[in-house]
PDB file of N, CA and C in Angstrom:
ATOM      1  N   UNK A   1       0.991  -1.158   0.218  1.00  0.00           N
ATOM      2  CA  UNK A   1      -0.183  -0.191   0.078  1.00  0.00           C
ATOM      3  C   UNK A   1       0.651   1.247   0.110  1.00  0.00           C
ATOM      4  N   UNK A   2       1.672   1.667   1.003  1.00  0.00           N
ATOM      5  CA  UNK A   2       2.976   2.852   0.992  1.00  0.00           C
ATOM      6  C   UNK A   2       3.899   2.197   0.104  1.00  0.00           C
ATOM      7  N   UNK A   3       4.759   3.559  -0.278  1.00  0.00           N
ATOM      8  CA  UNK A   3       5.701   2.774  -1.349  1.00  0.00           C
ATOM      9  C   UNK A   3       6.568   2.247  -0.226  1.00  0.00           C
ATOM     10  N   UNK A   4       7.879   1.559  -0.829  1.00  0.00           N
ATOM     11  CA  UNK A   4       9.133   0.931   0.297  1.00  0.00           C
ATOM     12  C   UNK A   4       9.747   2.694   0.332  1.00  0.00           C
ATOM     13  N   UNK A   5      10.755   2.041   1.770  1.00  0.00           N
ATOM     14  CA  UNK A   5      11.544   3.132   1.640  1.00  0.00           C
ATOM     15  C   UNK A   5      12.927   2.477   1.157  1.00  0.00           C
ATOM     16  N   UNK A   6      13.466   3.884   0.685  1.00  0.00           N
ATOM     17  CA  UNK A   6      14.965   3.241   0.139  1.00  0.00           C
ATOM     18  C   UNK A   6      16.134   3.250   1.569  1.00  0.00           C
ATOM     19  N   UNK A   7      16.609   3.104   1.791  1.00  0.00           N
ATOM     20  CA  UNK A   7      17.806   2.015   2.513  1.00  0.00           C
ATOM     21  C   UNK A   7      18.421   3.630   2.383  1.00  0.00           C
ATOM     22  N   UNK A   8      18.848   3.642   4.299  1.00  0.00           N
ATOM     23  CA  UNK A   8      19.461   5.130   3.857  1.00  0.00           C
ATOM     24  C   UNK A   8      20.273   5.674   2.994  1.00  0.00           C
ATOM     25  N   UNK A   9      21.342   4.377   2.578  1.00  0.00           N
ATOM     26  CA  UNK A   9      22.203   4.959   1.831  1.00  0.00           C
ATOM     27  C   UNK A   9      22.037   5.587   0.397  1.00  0.00           C
ATOM     28  N   UNK A  10      20.999   4.919   0.254  1.00  0.00           N
ATOM     29  CA  UNK A  10      20.184   5.225  -1.113  1.00  0.00           C
ATOM     30  C   UNK A  10      19.743   7.003  -1.012  1.00  0.00           C
ATOM     31  N   UNK A  11      18.979   6.841   0.065  1.00  0.00           N
ATOM     32  CA  UNK A  11      18.744   8.978   0.264  1.00  0.00           C
ATOM     33  C   UNK A  11      19.553   9.497   0.403  1.00  0.00           C
ATOM     34  N   UNK A  12      20.997   9.150   0.837  1.00  0.00           N
ATOM     35  CA  UNK A  12      21.842   9.865   1.606  1.00  0.00           C
ATOM     36  C   UNK A  12      22.104  10.389  -0.385  1.00  0.00           C
ATOM     37  N   UNK A  13      22.671   9.420  -0.617  1.00  0.00           N
ATOM     38  CA  UNK A  13      22.993   9.428  -2.198  1.00  0.00           C
ATOM     39  C   UNK A  13      22.217  10.067  -3.601  1.00  0.00           C
ATOM     40  N   UNK A  14      20.485   9.787  -3.348  1.00  0.00           N
ATOM     41  CA  UNK A  14      19.857  10.574  -3.990  1.00  0.00           C
ATOM     42  C   UNK A  14      19.858  11.862  -3.289  1.00  0.00           C
ATOM     43  N   UNK A  15      19.717  12.431  -2.128  1.00  0.00           N
ATOM     44  CA  UNK A  15      19.747  13.957  -1.926  1.00  0.00           C
ATOM     45  C   UNK A  15      21.352  14.391  -1.743  1.00  0.00           C
ATOM     46  N   UNK A  16      22.623  13.599  -1.910  1.00  0.00           N
ATOM     47  CA  UNK A  16      23.702  14.469  -2.821  1.00  0.00           C
ATOM     48  C   UNK A  16      23.039  14.730  -4.386  1.00  0.00           C
ATOM     49  N   UNK A  17      22.852  13.562  -5.026  1.00  0.00           N
ATOM     50  CA  UNK A  17      22.485  14.030  -6.826  1.00  0.00           C
ATOM     51  C   UNK A  17      21.970  15.489  -6.347  1.00  0.00           C
ATOM     52  N   UNK A  18      20.664  15.199  -5.734  1.00  0.00           N
ATOM     53  CA  UNK A  18      20.094  16.484  -5.993  1.00  0.00           C
ATOM     54  C   UNK A  18      20.545  17.987  -5.198  1.00  0.00           C
ATOM     55  N   UNK A  19      21.231  17.882  -4.379  1.00  0.00           N
ATOM     56  CA  UNK A  19      22.049  18.742  -4.432  1.00  0.00           C
ATOM     57  C   UNK A  19      22.273  19.509  -5.120  1.00  0.00           C
ATOM     58  N   UNK A  20      23.314  17.728  -5.963  1.00  0.00           N
ATOM     59  CA  UNK A  20      24.851  18.641  -6.811  1.00  0.00           C
ATOM     60  C   UNK A  20      23.946  19.261  -7.996  1.00  0.00           C
ATOM     61  N   UNK A  21      22.722  18.657  -8.716  1.00  0.00           N
ATOM     62  CA  UNK A  21      21.796  19.054  -9.671  1.00  0.00           C
ATOM     63  C   UNK A  21      21.570  20.866  -9.088  1.00  0.00           C
ATOM     64  N   UNK A  22      20.900  20.770  -7.959  1.00  0.00           N
ATOM     65  CA  UNK A  22      20.267  21.744  -7.865  1.00  0.00           C
ATOM     66  C   UNK A  22      21.372  23.140  -7.912  1.00  0.00           C
ATOM     67  N   UNK A  23      22.910  23.004  -7.235  1.00  0.00           N
ATOM     68  CA  UNK A  23      23.692  23.593  -7.549  1.00  0.00           C
ATOM     69  C   UNK A  23      24.261  23.490  -8.765  1.00  0.00           C
ATOM     70  N   UNK A  24      23.837  23.104  -9.548  1.00  0.00           N
ATOM     71  CA  UNK A  24      24.708  23.391 -11.213  1.00  0.00           C
ATOM     72  C   UNK A  24      23.666  24.325 -11.766  1.00  0.00           C
ATOM     73  N   UNK A  25      22.302  23.990 -11.729  1.00  0.00           N
ATOM     74  CA  UNK A  25      20.969  24.470 -12.608  1.00  0.00           C
ATOM     75  C   UNK A  25      21.415  26.349 -11.629  1.00  0.00           C
ATOM     76  N   UNK A  26      21.815  26.203 -10.277  1.00  0.00           N
ATOM     77  CA  UNK A  26      21.791  27.632 -10.012  1.00  0.00           C
ATOM     78  C   UNK A  26      22.503  28.669 -10.967  1.00  0.00           C
ATOM     79  N   UNK A  27      23.876  27.690 -10.867  1.00  0.00           N
ATOM     80  CA  UNK A  27      25.397  27.743 -11.153  1.00  0.00           C
ATOM     81  C   UNK A  27      24.638  28.588 -12.913  1.00  0.00           C
ATOM     82  N   UNK A  28      23.601  28.066 -13.424  1.00  0.00           N
ATOM     83  CA  UNK A  28      23.423  28.489 -15.465  1.00  0.00           C
ATOM     84  C   UNK A  28      22.940  29.422 -14.898  1.00  0.00           C
ATOM     85  N   UNK A  29      21.521  29.516 -13.963  1.00  0.00           N
ATOM     86  CA  UNK A  29      20.601  30.979 -13.883  1.00  0.00           C
ATOM     87  C   UNK A  29      21.290  31.879 -13.993  1.00  0.00           C
ATOM     88  N   UNK A  30      21.980  32.008 -12.370  1.00  0.00           N
ATOM     89  CA  UNK A  30      22.828  33.210 -12.210  1.00  0.00           C
ATOM     90  C   UNK A  30      24.088  33.626 -13.542  1.00  0.00           C
ATOM     91  N   UNK A  31      24.526  32.761 -14.456  1.00  0.00           N
ATOM     92  CA  UNK A  31      24.904  32.648 -15.798  1.00  0.00           C
ATOM     93  C   UNK A  31      24.341  33.118 -16.275  1.00  0.00           C
ATOM     94  N   UNK A  32      23.063  33.078 -16.887  1.00  0.00           N
ATOM     95  CA  UNK A  32      21.864  33.530 -17.462  1.00  0.00           C
ATOM     96  C   UNK A  32      21.547  35.217 -17.396  1.00  0.00           C
ATOM     97  N   UNK A  33      21.270  35.399 -16.135  1.00  0.00           N
ATOM     98  CA  UNK A  33      20.444  36.180 -15.191  1.00  0.00           C
ATOM     99  C   UNK A  33      22.307  37.417 -15.424  1.00  0.00           C
ATOM    100  N   UNK A  34      23.379  36.996 -15.500  1.00  0.00           N
ATOM    101  CA  UNK A  34      24.345  38.240 -15.553  1.00  0.00           C
ATOM    102  C   UNK A  34      24.511  38.190 -17.658  1.00  0.00           C
ATOM    103  N   UNK A  35      24.365  37.291 -17.757  1.00  0.00           N
ATOM    104  CA  UNK A  35      24.761  37.672 -19.137  1.00  0.00           C
ATOM    105  C   UNK A  35      23.415  38.516 -19.927  1.00  0.00           C
ATOM    106  N   UNK A  36      22.148  38.171 -19.354  1.00  0.00           N
ATOM    107  CA  UNK A  36      21.196  39.185 -19.894  1.00  0.00           C
ATOM    108  C   UNK A  36      21.639  40.241 -19.089  1.00  0.00           C
ATOM    109  N   UNK A  37      21.738  40.319 -18.332  1.00  0.00           N
ATOM    110  CA  UNK A  37      21.619  41.756 -17.638  1.00  0.00           C
ATOM    111  C   UNK A  37      23.249  42.391 -18.519  1.00  0.00           C
ATOM    112  N   UNK A  38      23.792  42.324 -19.135  1.00  0.00           N
ATOM    113  CA  UNK A  38      25.318  42.947 -19.880  1.00  0.00           C
ATOM    114  C   UNK A  38      24.817  43.512 -21.306  1.00  0.00           C
ATOM    115  N   UNK A  39      23.712  42.183 -21.825  1.00  0.00           N
ATOM    116  CA  UNK A  39      23.685  42.481 -22.901  1.00  0.00           C
ATOM    117  C   UNK A  39      22.278  43.841 -23.102  1.00  0.00           C
ATOM    118  N   UNK A  40      21.938  43.871 -21.393  1.00  0.00           N
ATOM    119  CA  UNK A  40      20.611  45.070 -21.782  1.00  0.00           C
ATOM    120  C   UNK A  40      21.499  46.514 -20.952  1.00  0.00           C
ATOM    121  N   UNK A  41      22.643  45.794 -20.548  1.00  0.00           N
ATOM    122  CA  UNK A  41      24.037  47.197 -20.011  1.00  0.00           C
ATOM    123  C   UNK A  41      24.532  48.096 -21.394  1.00  0.00           C
ATOM    124  N   UNK A  42      25.085  46.641 -22.447  1.00  0.00           N
ATOM    125  CA  UNK A  42      25.387  47.212 -23.874  1.00  0.00           C
ATOM    126  C   UNK A  42      24.398  48.183 -24.643  1.00  0.00           C
ATOM    127  N   UNK A  43      22.749  47.600 -24.331  1.00  0.00           N
ATOM    128  CA  UNK A  43      21.989  48.206 -25.558  1.00  0.00           C
ATOM    129  C   UNK A  43      21.960  49.380 -24.789  1.00  0.00           C
ATOM    130  N   UNK A  44      21.577  49.894 -23.570  1.00  0.00           N
ATOM    131  CA  UNK A  44      21.925  51.095 -22.809  1.00  0.00           C
ATOM    132  C   UNK A  44      23.264  52.064 -23.407  1.00  0.00           C
ATOM    133  N   UNK A  45      23.969  51.169 -23.374  1.00  0.00           N
ATOM    134  CA  UNK A  45      25.694  52.340 -23.901  1.00  0.00           C
ATOM    135  C   UNK A  45      25.702  52.667 -24.982  1.00  0.00           C
ATOM    136  N   UNK A  46      24.735  51.089 -26.142  1.00  0.00           N
ATOM    137  CA  UNK A  46      24.609  51.971 -27.303  1.00  0.00           C
ATOM    138  C   UNK A  46      23.359  53.033 -27.519  1.00  0.00           C
ATOM    139  N   UNK A  47      22.210  52.699 -27.285  1.00  0.00           N
ATOM    140  CA  UNK A  47      21.077  53.794 -27.591  1.00  0.00           C
ATOM    141  C   UNK A  47      21.478  54.988 -27.270  1.00  0.00           C
ATOM    142  N   UNK A  48      22.281  55.227 -25.656  1.00  0.00           N
ATOM    143  CA  UNK A  48      22.653  56.285 -25.682  1.00  0.00           C
ATOM    144  C   UNK A  48      23.445  56.884 -26.125  1.00  0.00           C
ATOM    145  N   UNK A  49      24.315  56.964 -26.813  1.00  0.00           N
ATOM    146  CA  UNK A  49      25.464  56.993 -27.647  1.00  0.00           C
ATOM    147  C   UNK A  49      25.099  57.746 -28.688  1.00  0.00           C
ATOM    148  N   UNK A  50      24.186  56.684 -29.721  1.00  0.00           N
ATOM    149  CA  UNK A  50      23.550  57.029 -30.786  1.00  0.00           C
ATOM    150  C   UNK A  50      22.282  58.535 -30.140  1.00  0.00           C
ATOM    151  N   UNK A  51      22.055  58.227 -28.882  1.00  0.00           N
ATOM    152  CA  UNK A  51      20.831  59.575 -28.268  1.00  0.00           C
ATOM    153  C   UNK A  51      22.226  60.620 -28.873  1.00  0.00           C
ATOM    154  N   UNK A  52      23.129  60.725 -27.956  1.00  0.00           N
ATOM    155  CA  UNK A  52      23.807  62.056 -28.021  1.00  0.00           C
ATOM    156  C   UNK A  52      24.685  62.159 -29.406  1.00  0.00           C
ATOM    157  N   UNK A  53      24.710  61.315 -30.583  1.00  0.00           N
ATOM    158  CA  UNK A  53      25.391  61.706 -31.501  1.00  0.00           C
ATOM    159  C   UNK A  53      23.852  62.581 -32.281  1.00  0.00           C
ATOM    160  N   UNK A  54      22.366  61.982 -31.795  1.00  0.00           N
ATOM    161  CA  UNK A  54      21.583  62.617 -32.605  1.00  0.00           C
ATOM    162  C   UNK A  54      21.285  64.067 -31.978  1.00  0.00           C
ATOM    163  N   UNK A  55      22.047  64.467 -30.916  1.00  0.00           N
ATOM    164  CA  UNK A  55      21.642  65.115 -29.866  1.00  0.00           C
ATOM    165  C   UNK A  55      22.689  66.635 -30.864  1.00  0.00           C
ATOM    166  N   UNK A  56      24.083  66.318 -30.919  1.00  0.00           N
ATOM    167  CA  UNK A  56      24.874  66.791 -31.499  1.00  0.00           C
ATOM    168  C   UNK A  56      24.428  67.465 -32.671  1.00  0.00           C
ATOM    169  N   UNK A  57      23.981  66.598 -33.102  1.00  0.00           N
ATOM    170  CA  UNK A  57      23.491  66.859 -34.987  1.00  0.00           C
ATOM    171  C   UNK A  57      22.453  67.921 -35.287  1.00  0.00           C
ATOM    172  N   UNK A  58      21.722  67.937 -34.314  1.00  0.00           N
ATOM    173  CA  UNK A  58      20.851  68.451 -34.273  1.00  0.00           C
ATOM    174  C   UNK A  58      21.234  70.135 -34.045  1.00  0.00           C
ATOM    175  N   UNK A  59      22.037  69.821 -32.517  1.00  0.00           N
ATOM    176  CA  UNK A  59      22.248  71.184 -32.379  1.00  0.00           C
ATOM    177  C   UNK A  59      23.605  71.787 -33.498  1.00  0.00           C
ATOM    178  N   UNK A  60      23.651  71.196 -33.733  1.00  0.00           N
ATOM    179  CA  UNK A  60      24.744  71.857 -35.037  1.00  0.00           C
ATOM    180  C   UNK A  60      23.962  72.264 -36.186  1.00  0.00           C
ATOM    181  N   UNK A  61      22.958  71.844 -36.424  1.00  0.00           N
ATOM    182  CA  UNK A  61      22.100  72.268 -37.435  1.00  0.00           C
ATOM    183  C   UNK A  61      21.679  73.353 -37.567  1.00  0.00           C
ATOM    184  N   UNK A  62      21.204  73.583 -36.025  1.00  0.00           N
ATOM    185  CA  UNK A  62      20.530  74.458 -35.081  1.00  0.00           C
ATOM    186  C   UNK A  62      21.610  75.405 -35.113  1.00  0.00           C
ATOM    187  N   UNK A  63      22.721  75.638 -34.865  1.00  0.00           N
ATOM    188  CA  UNK A  63      23.866  77.011 -34.909  1.00  0.00           C
ATOM    189  C   UNK A  63      23.837  77.100 -36.244  1.00  0.00           C
ATOM    190  N   UNK A  64      23.648  76.525 -37.217  1.00  0.00           N
ATOM    191  CA  UNK A  64      24.162  76.584 -38.526  1.00  0.00           C
ATOM    192  C   UNK A  64      22.836  77.479 -38.765  1.00  0.00           C
ATOM    193  N   UNK A  65      21.617  77.176 -38.562  1.00  0.00           N
ATOM    194  CA  UNK A  65      20.704  77.677 -39.120  1.00  0.00           C
ATOM    195  C   UNK A  65      20.600  78.997 -38.247  1.00  0.00           C
ATOM    196  N   UNK A  66      20.713  79.559 -37.004  1.00  0.00           N
ATOM    197  CA  UNK A  66      21.183  80.541 -36.372  1.00  0.00           C
ATOM    198  C   UNK A  66      22.132  81.315 -37.273  1.00  0.00           C
ATOM    199  N   UNK A  67      23.139  80.806 -37.337  1.00  0.00           N
ATOM    200  CA  UNK A  67      24.514  81.703 -37.909  1.00  0.00           C
ATOM    201  C   UNK A  67      23.920  82.032 -39.852  1.00  0.00           C
ATOM    202  N   UNK A  68      23.026  81.203 -40.137  1.00  0.00           N
ATOM    203  CA  UNK A  68      22.453  81.672 -41.467  1.00  0.00           C
ATOM    204  C   UNK A  68      21.652  82.935 -41.212  1.00  0.00           C
ATOM    205  N   UNK A  69      21.205  83.301 -40.391  1.00  0.00           N
ATOM    206  CA  UNK A  69      19.626  83.745 -40.024  1.00  0.00           C
ATOM    207  C   UNK A  69      20.528  85.503 -39.373  1.00  0.00           C
ATOM    208  N   UNK A  70      21.619  85.595 -38.739  1.00  0.00           N
ATOM    209  CA  UNK A  70      22.108  86.476 -38.143  1.00  0.00           C
ATOM    210  C   UNK A  70      22.961  86.999 -39.662  1.00  0.00           C
ATOM    211  N   UNK A  71      23.694  86.089 -40.102  1.00  0.00           N
ATOM    212  CA  UNK A  71      24.090  86.608 -41.405  1.00  0.00           C
ATOM    213  C   UNK A  71      23.435  87.812 -42.764  1.00  0.00           C
ATOM    214  N   UNK A  72      22.372  87.053 -42.432  1.00  0.00           N
ATOM    215  CA  UNK A  72      21.283  87.750 -43.480  1.00  0.00           C
ATOM    216  C   UNK A  72      20.637  88.940 -42.791  1.00  0.00           C
ATOM    217  N   UNK A  73      20.120  88.832 -41.566  1.00  0.00           N
ATOM    218  CA  UNK A  73      19.619  90.367 -40.913  1.00  0.00           C
ATOM    219  C   UNK A  73      21.290  91.116 -40.635  1.00  0.00           C
ATOM    220  N   UNK A  74      22.481  90.773 -40.912  1.00  0.00           N
ATOM    221  CA  UNK A  74      23.486  91.857 -40.656  1.00  0.00           C
ATOM    222  C   UNK A  74      23.640  92.232 -42.454  1.00  0.00           C
ATOM    223  N   UNK A  75      23.770  91.302 -42.955  1.00  0.00           N
ATOM    224  CA  UNK A  75      23.477  92.203 -44.474  1.00  0.00           C
ATOM    225  C   UNK A  75      22.845  93.205 -45.194  1.00  0.00           C
ATOM    226  N   UNK A  76      23.155  94.346 -45.363  1.00  0.00           N
ATOM    227  CA  UNK A  76      22.460  95.338 -45.628  1.00  0.00           C
ATOM    228  C   UNK A  76      21.446  94.692 -47.342  1.00  0.00           C
ATOM    229  N   UNK A  77      19.557  95.094 -47.063  1.00  0.00           N
ATOM    230  CA  UNK A  77      19.646  94.890 -48.399  1.00  0.00           C
ATOM    231  C   UNK A  77      19.606  96.210 -49.203  1.00  0.00           C
ATOM    232  N   UNK A  78      19.721  95.981 -50.537  1.00  0.00           N
ATOM    233  CA  UNK A  78      19.076  96.996 -52.090  1.00  0.00           C
ATOM    234  C   UNK A  78      18.678  97.115 -52.356  1.00  0.00           C
ATOM    235  N   UNK A  79      18.253  98.378 -52.179  1.00  0.00           N
ATOM    236  CA  UNK A  79      16.438  98.320 -53.455  1.00  0.00           C
ATOM    237  C   UNK A  79      16.819  97.730 -54.433  1.00  0.00           C
ATOM    238  N   UNK A  80      15.661  97.307 -55.039  1.00  0.00           N
ATOM    239  CA  UNK A  80      15.454  96.101 -56.738  1.00  0.00           C
ATOM    240  C   UNK A  80      14.420  96.906 -57.202  1.00  0.00           C
ATOM    241  N   UNK A  81      15.128  97.058 -58.584  1.00  0.00           N
ATOM    242  CA  UNK A  81      13.568  97.448 -59.512  1.00  0.00           C
ATOM    243  C   UNK A  81      12.918  99.074 -59.433  1.00  0.00           C
ATOM    244  N   UNK A  82      14.139  99.662 -58.538  1.00  0.00           N
ATOM    245  CA  UNK A  82      14.254 101.518 -58.681  1.00  0.00           C
ATOM    246  C   UNK A  82      15.352 101.668 -59.347  1.00  0.00           C
TER     247      UNK A  82
END
């Protein structure tokens, strides 16, 4: 009716195998976690770098437009058609 109880040495062996398997799985999980965290960190660095480059390009374009408008305002207009 009840399952047979294994011998104490068999139980100890099973327990040792279970502990070893748990340790192995835990090590794999930690490796996977840090591998994923490193990938996220790398993506963040790349996206931050791309954002900085886009911002710098927009700033250069804005400064160029501002310089052109100041130069146009400083240039005297000559009358046309008179």
